[in-house]
């Protein structure tokens, strides 16, 4: 039922997007304060959210608002950096459903820009083999296909991915049964190789 409700909101936002986005300009500016201009991060521990699949992003925002996902503290990276450190849970705490859906649609329509970061070519090659065997079914095209609605892995910051994998491993971040089985089967070496493979796609 909740997914149907979100779909209805997304359709209405698509019809009235310019007005909604104008009203949300201050919220978008606040998001960019940590995630970078147009949602393209320049910091290894902060994910790029430009081009993120709409429903994946919307679900994440709902999870943060409901305090159902880890909310580590972060300083603002640009704009007014004198503002106190905050968390994703605090940022979205007072935003209504329509605004969260609005934000997800807004960033989905912006181009994803792969992070320029160092990687080990040998590990990247090993990571491709792991990805092809274990991850490609849900994260197709090397983890770059937004139509999967499973998050963009290709070109995402390695530091952010390491933190996310650690949250999955500790149980702090929820995952569905099939993904948990895949994650639990990965060795530490497999994970490291995957990080370098995704980082290599620039």
N, C-alpha and C. Protein backbone atom coordinates (compact mmCIF):
# COMPACT_ATOMS: atom_id res chain seq x y z
N UNK A 1 0.82 -1.20 0.00
CA UNK A 1 0.00 0.00 0.00
C UNK A 1 0.86 1.25 0.00
N UNK A 2 1.93 1.25 0.80
CA UNK A 2 2.79 2.42 0.87
C UNK A 2 3.46 2.69 -0.46
N UNK A 3 3.86 1.60 -1.17
CA UNK A 3 4.52 1.79 -2.47
C UNK A 3 3.55 2.37 -3.47
N UNK A 4 2.26 1.98 -3.41
CA UNK A 4 1.26 2.54 -4.32
C UNK A 4 1.05 4.01 -4.02
N UNK A 5 1.07 4.36 -2.75
CA UNK A 5 0.91 5.75 -2.35
C UNK A 5 2.06 6.59 -2.88
N UNK A 6 3.29 6.06 -2.77
CA UNK A 6 4.45 6.78 -3.25
C UNK A 6 4.40 6.93 -4.77
N UNK A 7 3.91 5.89 -5.46
CA UNK A 7 3.81 5.97 -6.91
C UNK A 7 2.85 7.08 -7.32
N UNK A 8 1.73 7.18 -6.62
CA UNK A 8 0.75 8.23 -6.94
C UNK A 8 1.35 9.61 -6.73
N UNK A 9 2.12 9.77 -5.67
CA UNK A 9 2.77 11.05 -5.41
C UNK A 9 3.78 11.37 -6.51
N UNK A 10 4.55 10.36 -6.91
CA UNK A 10 5.57 10.58 -7.94
C UNK A 10 4.94 11.03 -9.25
N UNK A 11 3.80 10.44 -9.61
CA UNK A 11 3.11 10.83 -10.84
C UNK A 11 2.65 12.28 -10.76
N UNK A 12 2.08 12.66 -9.64
CA UNK A 12 1.60 14.04 -9.50
C UNK A 12 2.76 15.02 -9.52
N UNK A 13 3.90 14.64 -8.92
CA UNK A 13 5.06 15.52 -8.93
C UNK A 13 5.63 15.68 -10.33
N UNK A 14 5.57 14.62 -11.11
CA UNK A 14 6.07 14.71 -12.48
C UNK A 14 5.27 15.72 -13.28
N UNK A 15 3.99 15.87 -12.96
CA UNK A 15 3.13 16.80 -13.69
C UNK A 15 3.34 18.23 -13.24
N UNK A 16 3.73 18.41 -11.98
CA UNK A 16 3.85 19.76 -11.42
C UNK A 16 5.25 20.01 -10.88
N UNK A 17 6.24 19.37 -11.50
CA UNK A 17 7.61 19.42 -10.99
C UNK A 17 8.19 20.82 -10.88
N UNK A 18 8.09 21.72 -11.89
CA UNK A 18 8.74 23.02 -11.78
C UNK A 18 8.31 23.81 -10.55
N UNK A 19 7.01 23.80 -10.26
CA UNK A 19 6.52 24.53 -9.10
C UNK A 19 7.07 23.91 -7.82
N UNK A 20 7.03 22.58 -7.74
CA UNK A 20 7.49 21.90 -6.54
C UNK A 20 8.97 22.18 -6.30
N UNK A 21 9.78 22.08 -7.34
CA UNK A 21 11.20 22.27 -7.18
C UNK A 21 11.53 23.70 -6.77
N UNK A 22 10.77 24.68 -7.29
CA UNK A 22 11.00 26.07 -6.91
C UNK A 22 10.74 26.24 -5.42
N UNK A 23 9.69 25.61 -4.94
CA UNK A 23 9.36 25.71 -3.52
C UNK A 23 10.40 25.01 -2.65
N UNK A 24 11.04 24.00 -3.20
CA UNK A 24 12.00 23.22 -2.42
C UNK A 24 13.44 23.70 -2.58
N UNK A 25 13.63 24.87 -3.16
CA UNK A 25 14.98 25.35 -3.46
C UNK A 25 15.86 25.39 -2.21
N UNK A 26 15.31 25.82 -1.10
CA UNK A 26 16.10 25.90 0.13
C UNK A 26 16.49 24.51 0.62
N UNK A 27 15.58 23.55 0.46
CA UNK A 27 15.87 22.18 0.88
C UNK A 27 16.98 21.59 0.02
N UNK A 28 16.89 21.84 -1.29
CA UNK A 28 17.90 21.34 -2.22
C UNK A 28 19.27 21.95 -1.90
N UNK A 29 19.28 23.24 -1.62
CA UNK A 29 20.55 23.90 -1.26
C UNK A 29 21.15 23.27 -0.02
N UNK A 30 20.30 22.92 0.93
CA UNK A 30 20.78 22.27 2.15
C UNK A 30 21.38 20.90 1.84
N UNK A 31 20.73 20.14 0.96
CA UNK A 31 21.25 18.83 0.56
C UNK A 31 22.62 18.98 -0.11
N UNK A 32 22.72 19.97 -0.99
CA UNK A 32 23.97 20.18 -1.71
C UNK A 32 25.10 20.61 -0.79
N UNK A 33 24.75 21.14 0.38
CA UNK A 33 25.77 21.54 1.34
C UNK A 33 26.64 20.39 1.79
N UNK A 34 26.09 19.17 1.74
CA UNK A 34 26.88 17.97 2.08
C UNK A 34 27.20 17.13 0.86
N UNK A 35 26.25 17.05 -0.09
CA UNK A 35 26.41 16.14 -1.22
C UNK A 35 27.04 16.80 -2.45
N UNK A 36 27.29 18.11 -2.39
CA UNK A 36 27.94 18.78 -3.52
C UNK A 36 26.96 19.39 -4.49
N UNK A 37 27.44 20.29 -5.34
CA UNK A 37 26.59 20.95 -6.33
C UNK A 37 25.89 19.91 -7.20
N UNK A 38 24.59 20.08 -7.36
CA UNK A 38 23.77 19.15 -8.15
C UNK A 38 23.88 17.72 -7.66
N UNK A 39 24.21 17.55 -6.38
CA UNK A 39 24.26 16.21 -5.79
C UNK A 39 25.47 15.40 -6.17
N UNK A 40 26.51 16.05 -6.73
CA UNK A 40 27.74 15.35 -7.13
C UNK A 40 28.80 15.57 -6.04
N UNK A 41 29.05 14.55 -5.27
CA UNK A 41 29.95 14.65 -4.13
C UNK A 41 31.41 14.73 -4.54
N UNK A 42 32.18 15.52 -3.78
CA UNK A 42 33.63 15.61 -3.94
C UNK A 42 34.35 15.01 -2.74
N UNK A 43 33.61 14.30 -1.89
CA UNK A 43 34.18 13.80 -0.63
C UNK A 43 33.94 12.30 -0.52
N UNK A 44 34.97 11.56 -0.19
CA UNK A 44 34.93 10.10 -0.28
C UNK A 44 33.92 9.44 0.66
N UNK A 45 33.57 10.11 1.75
CA UNK A 45 32.63 9.50 2.68
C UNK A 45 31.18 9.93 2.43
N UNK A 46 30.97 10.76 1.42
CA UNK A 46 29.63 11.26 1.10
C UNK A 46 29.24 10.77 -0.30
N UNK A 47 28.10 10.10 -0.43
CA UNK A 47 27.74 9.57 -1.75
C UNK A 47 27.24 10.65 -2.70
N UNK A 48 27.50 10.43 -3.98
CA UNK A 48 26.84 11.23 -5.01
C UNK A 48 25.40 10.75 -5.12
N UNK A 49 24.46 11.69 -5.08
CA UNK A 49 23.04 11.31 -5.16
C UNK A 49 22.42 11.71 -6.49
N UNK A 50 23.15 12.45 -7.32
CA UNK A 50 22.66 12.78 -8.66
C UNK A 50 22.50 11.49 -9.46
N UNK A 51 21.37 11.34 -10.13
CA UNK A 51 21.13 10.16 -10.94
C UNK A 51 20.71 8.93 -10.16
N UNK A 52 20.60 9.05 -8.83
CA UNK A 52 20.18 7.90 -8.03
C UNK A 52 18.74 7.52 -8.39
N UNK A 53 18.46 6.22 -8.58
CA UNK A 53 17.10 5.81 -8.92
C UNK A 53 16.08 6.41 -7.96
N UNK A 54 15.01 6.91 -8.53
CA UNK A 54 14.03 7.68 -7.76
C UNK A 54 13.48 6.93 -6.56
N UNK A 55 13.03 5.70 -6.76
CA UNK A 55 12.39 4.97 -5.66
C UNK A 55 13.41 4.52 -4.62
N UNK A 56 14.62 4.20 -5.06
CA UNK A 56 15.68 3.85 -4.13
C UNK A 56 16.00 5.02 -3.22
N UNK A 57 16.10 6.21 -3.81
CA UNK A 57 16.40 7.41 -3.05
C UNK A 57 15.25 7.76 -2.11
N UNK A 58 14.03 7.70 -2.63
CA UNK A 58 12.87 8.04 -1.79
C UNK A 58 12.78 7.11 -0.59
N UNK A 59 12.98 5.81 -0.82
CA UNK A 59 12.94 4.87 0.30
C UNK A 59 14.01 5.20 1.34
N UNK A 60 15.22 5.55 0.86
CA UNK A 60 16.29 5.90 1.79
C UNK A 60 15.89 7.11 2.64
N UNK A 61 15.29 8.11 2.01
CA UNK A 61 14.88 9.30 2.76
C UNK A 61 13.81 8.97 3.79
N UNK A 62 12.87 8.10 3.44
CA UNK A 62 11.86 7.68 4.41
C UNK A 62 12.50 6.93 5.57
N UNK A 63 13.47 6.06 5.26
CA UNK A 63 14.17 5.31 6.31
C UNK A 63 14.88 6.27 7.26
N UNK A 64 15.56 7.27 6.70
CA UNK A 64 16.25 8.24 7.55
C UNK A 64 15.26 9.01 8.42
N UNK A 65 14.16 9.44 7.82
CA UNK A 65 13.19 10.20 8.61
C UNK A 65 12.61 9.38 9.75
N UNK A 66 12.47 8.06 9.51
CA UNK A 66 11.90 7.17 10.52
C UNK A 66 12.97 6.59 11.44
N UNK A 67 14.21 7.10 11.33
CA UNK A 67 15.33 6.62 12.14
C UNK A 67 15.53 5.11 12.01
N UNK A 68 15.38 4.61 10.79
CA UNK A 68 15.54 3.18 10.53
C UNK A 68 16.82 2.88 9.75
N UNK A 69 17.71 3.86 9.67
CA UNK A 69 18.99 3.68 8.99
C UNK A 69 20.04 4.46 9.78
N UNK A 70 21.27 3.96 9.89
CA UNK A 70 22.30 4.68 10.66
C UNK A 70 22.45 6.12 10.19
N UNK A 71 22.56 7.02 11.16
CA UNK A 71 22.67 8.46 10.86
C UNK A 71 23.92 9.02 11.50
N UNK A 72 25.05 8.84 10.85
CA UNK A 72 26.29 9.37 11.39
C UNK A 72 26.37 10.88 11.21
N UNK A 73 27.04 11.55 12.12
CA UNK A 73 27.15 13.01 12.08
C UNK A 73 28.13 13.46 11.01
N UNK A 74 27.80 14.55 10.35
CA UNK A 74 28.65 15.06 9.28
C UNK A 74 28.67 16.58 9.31
N UNK A 75 29.84 17.14 9.03
CA UNK A 75 29.96 18.58 8.86
C UNK A 75 29.43 18.98 7.48
N UNK A 76 28.97 20.21 7.35
CA UNK A 76 28.63 20.72 6.02
C UNK A 76 29.93 20.93 5.25
N UNK A 77 29.94 20.54 3.99
CA UNK A 77 31.17 20.57 3.20
C UNK A 77 31.30 21.83 2.36
N UNK A 78 30.21 22.53 2.13
CA UNK A 78 30.27 23.76 1.33
C UNK A 78 29.11 24.66 1.73
N UNK A 79 29.09 25.87 1.17
CA UNK A 79 28.08 26.84 1.60
C UNK A 79 28.46 27.38 2.96
N UNK A 80 27.50 27.48 3.84
CA UNK A 80 27.75 27.97 5.19
C UNK A 80 28.29 26.82 6.03
N UNK A 81 29.61 26.66 6.03
CA UNK A 81 30.23 25.55 6.76
C UNK A 81 30.32 25.81 8.26
N UNK A 82 29.89 27.00 8.70
CA UNK A 82 29.88 27.29 10.13
C UNK A 82 28.67 26.68 10.82
N UNK A 83 27.73 26.16 10.03
CA UNK A 83 26.55 25.52 10.62
C UNK A 83 26.97 24.31 11.44
N UNK A 84 26.24 24.02 12.51
CA UNK A 84 26.58 22.84 13.33
C UNK A 84 26.51 21.56 12.50
N UNK A 85 27.30 20.58 12.87
CA UNK A 85 27.24 19.27 12.21
C UNK A 85 25.83 18.71 12.34
N UNK A 86 25.45 17.88 11.38
CA UNK A 86 24.10 17.35 11.38
C UNK A 86 24.12 15.89 10.95
N UNK A 87 22.96 15.27 10.86
CA UNK A 87 22.82 13.90 10.38
C UNK A 87 21.69 13.88 9.36
N UNK A 88 21.66 12.83 8.55
CA UNK A 88 20.57 12.69 7.59
C UNK A 88 19.23 12.61 8.31
N UNK A 89 19.19 11.96 9.45
CA UNK A 89 17.93 11.86 10.19
C UNK A 89 17.43 13.24 10.61
N UNK A 90 18.33 14.10 11.03
CA UNK A 90 17.94 15.44 11.44
C UNK A 90 17.51 16.28 10.23
N UNK A 91 18.23 16.13 9.12
CA UNK A 91 17.94 16.94 7.92
C UNK A 91 16.54 16.70 7.40
N UNK A 92 16.09 15.44 7.42
CA UNK A 92 14.78 15.12 6.82
C UNK A 92 13.68 14.96 7.86
N UNK A 93 13.99 15.17 9.12
CA UNK A 93 13.03 14.89 10.20
C UNK A 93 11.70 15.61 10.03
N UNK A 94 11.72 16.85 9.54
CA UNK A 94 10.50 17.65 9.46
C UNK A 94 9.96 17.77 8.05
N UNK A 95 10.47 16.98 7.11
CA UNK A 95 10.01 17.06 5.72
C UNK A 95 8.86 16.08 5.50
N UNK A 96 7.83 16.55 4.82
CA UNK A 96 6.68 15.68 4.58
C UNK A 96 6.93 14.72 3.42
N UNK A 97 6.00 13.80 3.22
CA UNK A 97 6.17 12.76 2.20
C UNK A 97 6.37 13.36 0.81
N UNK A 98 5.57 14.37 0.48
CA UNK A 98 5.64 14.96 -0.85
C UNK A 98 7.01 15.59 -1.11
N UNK A 99 7.57 16.23 -0.11
CA UNK A 99 8.88 16.86 -0.28
C UNK A 99 9.97 15.81 -0.47
N UNK A 100 9.89 14.71 0.25
CA UNK A 100 10.87 13.64 0.08
C UNK A 100 10.78 13.04 -1.31
N UNK A 101 9.57 12.82 -1.79
CA UNK A 101 9.38 12.31 -3.15
C UNK A 101 9.90 13.32 -4.17
N UNK A 102 9.64 14.57 -3.90
CA UNK A 102 10.09 15.66 -4.78
C UNK A 102 11.61 15.64 -4.90
N UNK A 103 12.30 15.52 -3.78
CA UNK A 103 13.76 15.50 -3.78
C UNK A 103 14.31 14.31 -4.56
N UNK A 104 13.69 13.15 -4.35
CA UNK A 104 14.15 11.95 -5.04
C UNK A 104 14.03 12.10 -6.55
N UNK A 105 12.92 12.66 -7.00
CA UNK A 105 12.72 12.86 -8.43
C UNK A 105 13.68 13.91 -8.98
N UNK A 106 13.89 14.98 -8.23
CA UNK A 106 14.79 16.05 -8.65
C UNK A 106 16.20 15.51 -8.90
N UNK A 107 16.74 14.77 -7.93
CA UNK A 107 18.11 14.29 -8.08
C UNK A 107 18.22 13.16 -9.11
N UNK A 108 17.16 12.38 -9.27
CA UNK A 108 17.18 11.34 -10.29
C UNK A 108 17.36 11.92 -11.69
N UNK A 109 16.80 13.09 -11.91
CA UNK A 109 16.86 13.70 -13.24
C UNK A 109 18.17 14.43 -13.51
N UNK A 110 19.06 14.50 -12.52
CA UNK A 110 20.39 15.10 -12.72
C UNK A 110 21.37 14.01 -13.15
N UNK A 111 22.38 14.34 -13.93
CA UNK A 111 23.33 13.32 -14.41
C UNK A 111 24.26 12.84 -13.30
N UNK A 112 24.41 11.53 -13.22
CA UNK A 112 25.39 10.95 -12.31
C UNK A 112 26.79 11.24 -12.85
N UNK A 113 27.72 11.62 -11.98
CA UNK A 113 29.10 11.87 -12.36
C UNK A 113 29.99 10.96 -11.53
N UNK A 114 30.72 10.09 -12.19
CA UNK A 114 31.58 9.14 -11.48
C UNK A 114 32.68 9.86 -10.72
N UNK A 115 32.97 9.38 -9.53
CA UNK A 115 34.04 9.96 -8.71
C UNK A 115 35.40 9.65 -9.32
N UNK A 116 36.27 10.63 -9.33
CA UNK A 116 37.65 10.45 -9.78
C UNK A 116 38.48 10.06 -8.56
N UNK A 117 38.86 8.80 -8.49
CA UNK A 117 39.55 8.30 -7.30
C UNK A 117 40.57 7.23 -7.69
N UNK A 118 41.52 7.02 -6.82
CA UNK A 118 42.56 6.03 -7.09
C UNK A 118 42.02 4.61 -6.87
N UNK A 119 42.54 3.67 -7.65
CA UNK A 119 42.14 2.28 -7.50
C UNK A 119 43.28 1.40 -7.97
N UNK A 120 43.25 0.15 -7.55
CA UNK A 120 44.26 -0.83 -7.95
C UNK A 120 43.69 -1.65 -9.11
N UNK A 121 44.38 -1.65 -10.24
CA UNK A 121 43.87 -2.31 -11.44
C UNK A 121 43.72 -3.82 -11.24
N UNK A 122 44.65 -4.43 -10.53
CA UNK A 122 44.55 -5.86 -10.28
C UNK A 122 43.34 -6.21 -9.43
N UNK A 123 43.12 -5.42 -8.38
CA UNK A 123 41.96 -5.64 -7.53
C UNK A 123 40.66 -5.36 -8.29
N UNK A 124 40.70 -4.35 -9.16
CA UNK A 124 39.51 -4.03 -9.96
C UNK A 124 39.14 -5.20 -10.86
N UNK A 125 40.13 -5.85 -11.46
CA UNK A 125 39.87 -7.00 -12.32
C UNK A 125 39.26 -8.15 -11.51
N UNK A 126 39.78 -8.36 -10.31
CA UNK A 126 39.23 -9.41 -9.44
C UNK A 126 37.81 -9.04 -9.01
N UNK A 127 37.60 -7.75 -8.77
CA UNK A 127 36.27 -7.29 -8.36
C UNK A 127 35.24 -7.46 -9.45
N UNK A 128 35.66 -7.29 -10.70
CA UNK A 128 34.73 -7.49 -11.81
C UNK A 128 34.24 -8.93 -11.85
N UNK A 129 35.14 -9.86 -11.59
CA UNK A 129 34.76 -11.27 -11.57
C UNK A 129 33.75 -11.55 -10.45
N UNK A 130 33.98 -10.95 -9.28
CA UNK A 130 33.05 -11.11 -8.16
C UNK A 130 31.70 -10.49 -8.51
N UNK A 131 31.75 -9.30 -9.07
CA UNK A 131 30.50 -8.63 -9.43
C UNK A 131 29.71 -9.45 -10.45
N UNK A 132 30.38 -9.89 -11.49
CA UNK A 132 29.70 -10.65 -12.54
C UNK A 132 29.05 -11.91 -12.00
N UNK A 133 29.71 -12.54 -11.02
CA UNK A 133 29.20 -13.80 -10.47
C UNK A 133 28.11 -13.59 -9.41
N UNK A 134 28.23 -12.52 -8.63
CA UNK A 134 27.36 -12.38 -7.46
C UNK A 134 26.42 -11.18 -7.47
N UNK A 135 26.74 -10.15 -8.22
CA UNK A 135 26.01 -8.88 -8.09
C UNK A 135 25.27 -8.42 -9.35
N UNK A 136 25.71 -8.90 -10.50
CA UNK A 136 25.23 -8.37 -11.78
C UNK A 136 23.72 -8.55 -11.97
N UNK A 137 23.16 -9.59 -11.41
CA UNK A 137 21.73 -9.86 -11.61
C UNK A 137 20.87 -8.70 -11.12
N UNK A 138 21.24 -8.11 -9.99
CA UNK A 138 20.46 -7.00 -9.43
C UNK A 138 21.07 -5.64 -9.73
N UNK A 139 22.39 -5.60 -9.93
CA UNK A 139 23.11 -4.36 -10.23
C UNK A 139 23.73 -4.50 -11.62
N UNK A 140 22.89 -4.42 -12.65
CA UNK A 140 23.34 -4.72 -14.01
C UNK A 140 24.24 -3.63 -14.58
N UNK A 141 24.86 -3.97 -15.69
CA UNK A 141 25.79 -3.06 -16.37
C UNK A 141 26.89 -2.58 -15.43
N UNK A 142 27.40 -3.51 -14.65
CA UNK A 142 28.48 -3.16 -13.74
C UNK A 142 28.06 -2.27 -12.59
N UNK A 143 26.76 -2.28 -12.29
CA UNK A 143 26.24 -1.45 -11.20
C UNK A 143 25.94 -0.03 -11.61
N UNK A 144 25.76 0.19 -12.92
CA UNK A 144 25.55 1.55 -13.42
C UNK A 144 24.14 1.83 -13.92
N UNK A 145 23.28 0.81 -13.94
CA UNK A 145 21.96 0.94 -14.56
C UNK A 145 20.91 1.43 -13.57
N UNK A 146 20.41 2.67 -13.71
CA UNK A 146 19.42 3.18 -12.77
C UNK A 146 18.07 2.47 -12.87
N UNK A 147 17.82 1.80 -14.00
CA UNK A 147 16.55 1.09 -14.16
C UNK A 147 16.43 -0.09 -13.20
N UNK A 148 17.55 -0.52 -12.62
CA UNK A 148 17.50 -1.61 -11.65
C UNK A 148 16.83 -1.17 -10.35
N UNK A 149 16.79 0.14 -10.12
CA UNK A 149 16.26 0.69 -8.86
C UNK A 149 16.95 0.02 -7.67
N UNK A 150 18.27 -0.15 -7.80
CA UNK A 150 19.04 -0.80 -6.74
C UNK A 150 20.25 0.01 -6.33
N UNK A 151 20.29 1.27 -6.69
CA UNK A 151 21.41 2.11 -6.33
C UNK A 151 22.50 2.07 -7.39
N UNK A 152 23.24 3.17 -7.51
CA UNK A 152 24.35 3.25 -8.45
C UNK A 152 25.64 2.91 -7.71
N UNK A 153 26.29 1.83 -8.13
CA UNK A 153 27.56 1.41 -7.52
C UNK A 153 28.74 1.85 -8.37
N UNK A 154 28.58 1.77 -9.67
CA UNK A 154 29.65 2.14 -10.60
C UNK A 154 30.02 3.60 -10.44
N UNK A 155 31.28 3.87 -10.12
CA UNK A 155 31.75 5.25 -9.99
C UNK A 155 31.40 5.92 -8.67
N UNK A 156 30.81 5.17 -7.74
CA UNK A 156 30.49 5.76 -6.43
C UNK A 156 31.77 5.81 -5.59
N UNK A 157 31.78 6.69 -4.61
CA UNK A 157 32.98 6.84 -3.76
C UNK A 157 33.27 5.57 -2.96
N UNK A 158 34.54 5.17 -2.97
CA UNK A 158 34.96 3.97 -2.27
C UNK A 158 34.75 4.08 -0.76
N UNK A 159 35.07 5.23 -0.20
CA UNK A 159 34.91 5.41 1.25
C UNK A 159 33.47 5.22 1.68
N UNK A 160 32.55 5.77 0.92
CA UNK A 160 31.13 5.61 1.24
C UNK A 160 30.72 4.14 1.15
N UNK A 161 31.18 3.44 0.11
CA UNK A 161 30.81 2.03 -0.04
C UNK A 161 31.36 1.19 1.11
N UNK A 162 32.58 1.49 1.56
CA UNK A 162 33.16 0.76 2.68
C UNK A 162 32.30 0.95 3.94
N UNK A 163 31.88 2.18 4.19
CA UNK A 163 31.04 2.45 5.35
C UNK A 163 29.70 1.71 5.25
N UNK A 164 29.13 1.69 4.04
CA UNK A 164 27.84 1.04 3.84
C UNK A 164 27.95 -0.47 4.04
N UNK A 165 29.00 -1.08 3.50
CA UNK A 165 29.20 -2.51 3.69
C UNK A 165 29.36 -2.84 5.17
N UNK A 166 30.05 -1.98 5.90
CA UNK A 166 30.24 -2.20 7.34
C UNK A 166 28.90 -2.13 8.08
N UNK A 167 28.03 -1.23 7.66
CA UNK A 167 26.70 -1.13 8.28
C UNK A 167 25.88 -2.38 8.00
N UNK A 168 25.98 -2.90 6.78
CA UNK A 168 25.29 -4.15 6.47
C UNK A 168 25.83 -5.30 7.32
N UNK A 169 27.15 -5.39 7.43
CA UNK A 169 27.77 -6.49 8.16
C UNK A 169 27.40 -6.47 9.64
N UNK A 170 27.26 -5.29 10.22
CA UNK A 170 26.93 -5.17 11.64
C UNK A 170 25.45 -5.34 11.92
N UNK A 171 24.64 -5.32 10.86
CA UNK A 171 23.19 -5.40 11.03
C UNK A 171 22.56 -4.05 11.29
N UNK A 172 23.35 -2.98 11.28
CA UNK A 172 22.81 -1.65 11.54
C UNK A 172 21.94 -1.15 10.39
N UNK A 173 22.21 -1.66 9.19
CA UNK A 173 21.46 -1.25 8.02
C UNK A 173 20.72 -2.46 7.46
N UNK A 174 19.42 -2.31 7.30
CA UNK A 174 18.57 -3.42 6.86
C UNK A 174 18.82 -3.76 5.39
N UNK A 175 18.70 -5.03 5.06
CA UNK A 175 18.80 -5.48 3.68
C UNK A 175 17.85 -6.65 3.49
N UNK A 176 17.39 -6.85 2.26
CA UNK A 176 16.46 -7.96 2.05
C UNK A 176 17.21 -9.29 2.12
N UNK A 177 16.44 -10.38 2.19
CA UNK A 177 17.00 -11.70 2.44
C UNK A 177 18.01 -12.12 1.38
N UNK A 178 17.67 -11.90 0.10
CA UNK A 178 18.56 -12.33 -0.98
C UNK A 178 19.89 -11.57 -0.95
N UNK A 179 19.79 -10.26 -0.68
CA UNK A 179 21.03 -9.48 -0.63
C UNK A 179 21.87 -9.88 0.57
N UNK A 180 21.23 -10.14 1.69
CA UNK A 180 21.98 -10.54 2.89
C UNK A 180 22.74 -11.84 2.64
N UNK A 181 22.10 -12.77 1.95
CA UNK A 181 22.77 -14.04 1.65
C UNK A 181 24.01 -13.80 0.79
N UNK A 182 23.87 -12.89 -0.17
CA UNK A 182 25.02 -12.57 -1.03
C UNK A 182 26.12 -11.88 -0.23
N UNK A 183 25.74 -10.92 0.60
CA UNK A 183 26.71 -10.17 1.38
C UNK A 183 27.44 -11.07 2.38
N UNK A 184 26.69 -11.95 3.02
CA UNK A 184 27.29 -12.83 4.02
C UNK A 184 28.30 -13.79 3.40
N UNK A 185 28.11 -14.09 2.12
CA UNK A 185 29.00 -15.04 1.44
C UNK A 185 30.29 -14.39 0.96
N UNK A 186 30.35 -13.06 0.94
CA UNK A 186 31.54 -12.37 0.46
C UNK A 186 32.66 -12.40 1.52
N UNK A 187 33.86 -12.68 1.07
CA UNK A 187 35.01 -12.59 1.96
C UNK A 187 35.47 -11.14 2.03
N UNK A 188 36.35 -10.84 2.97
CA UNK A 188 36.91 -9.48 3.06
C UNK A 188 37.65 -9.12 1.77
N UNK A 189 38.34 -10.11 1.20
CA UNK A 189 39.06 -9.88 -0.06
C UNK A 189 38.09 -9.59 -1.19
N UNK A 190 36.94 -10.29 -1.20
CA UNK A 190 35.92 -10.04 -2.22
C UNK A 190 35.41 -8.60 -2.13
N UNK A 191 35.14 -8.17 -0.92
CA UNK A 191 34.62 -6.82 -0.72
C UNK A 191 35.63 -5.78 -1.19
N UNK A 192 36.88 -5.95 -0.80
CA UNK A 192 37.92 -5.00 -1.22
C UNK A 192 38.02 -4.95 -2.74
N UNK A 193 37.97 -6.10 -3.37
CA UNK A 193 38.04 -6.15 -4.83
C UNK A 193 36.84 -5.43 -5.45
N UNK A 194 35.67 -5.61 -4.88
CA UNK A 194 34.48 -4.92 -5.40
C UNK A 194 34.63 -3.41 -5.29
N UNK A 195 35.15 -2.93 -4.16
CA UNK A 195 35.34 -1.48 -4.00
C UNK A 195 36.23 -0.92 -5.12
N UNK A 196 37.29 -1.63 -5.43
CA UNK A 196 38.22 -1.15 -6.46
C UNK A 196 37.60 -1.28 -7.85
N UNK A 197 36.79 -2.30 -8.06
CA UNK A 197 36.11 -2.43 -9.36
C UNK A 197 35.16 -1.27 -9.59
N UNK A 198 34.32 -0.97 -8.62
CA UNK A 198 33.37 0.13 -8.79
C UNK A 198 34.10 1.46 -8.91
N UNK A 199 35.18 1.62 -8.14
CA UNK A 199 35.96 2.86 -8.21
C UNK A 199 36.65 3.02 -9.56
N UNK A 200 36.94 1.92 -10.23
CA UNK A 200 37.65 1.98 -11.50
C UNK A 200 36.78 2.49 -12.64
N UNK A 201 35.47 2.52 -12.45
CA UNK A 201 34.56 2.92 -13.52
C UNK A 201 34.35 4.44 -13.46
N UNK A 202 35.21 5.15 -14.17
CA UNK A 202 35.23 6.61 -14.07
C UNK A 202 34.89 7.28 -15.39
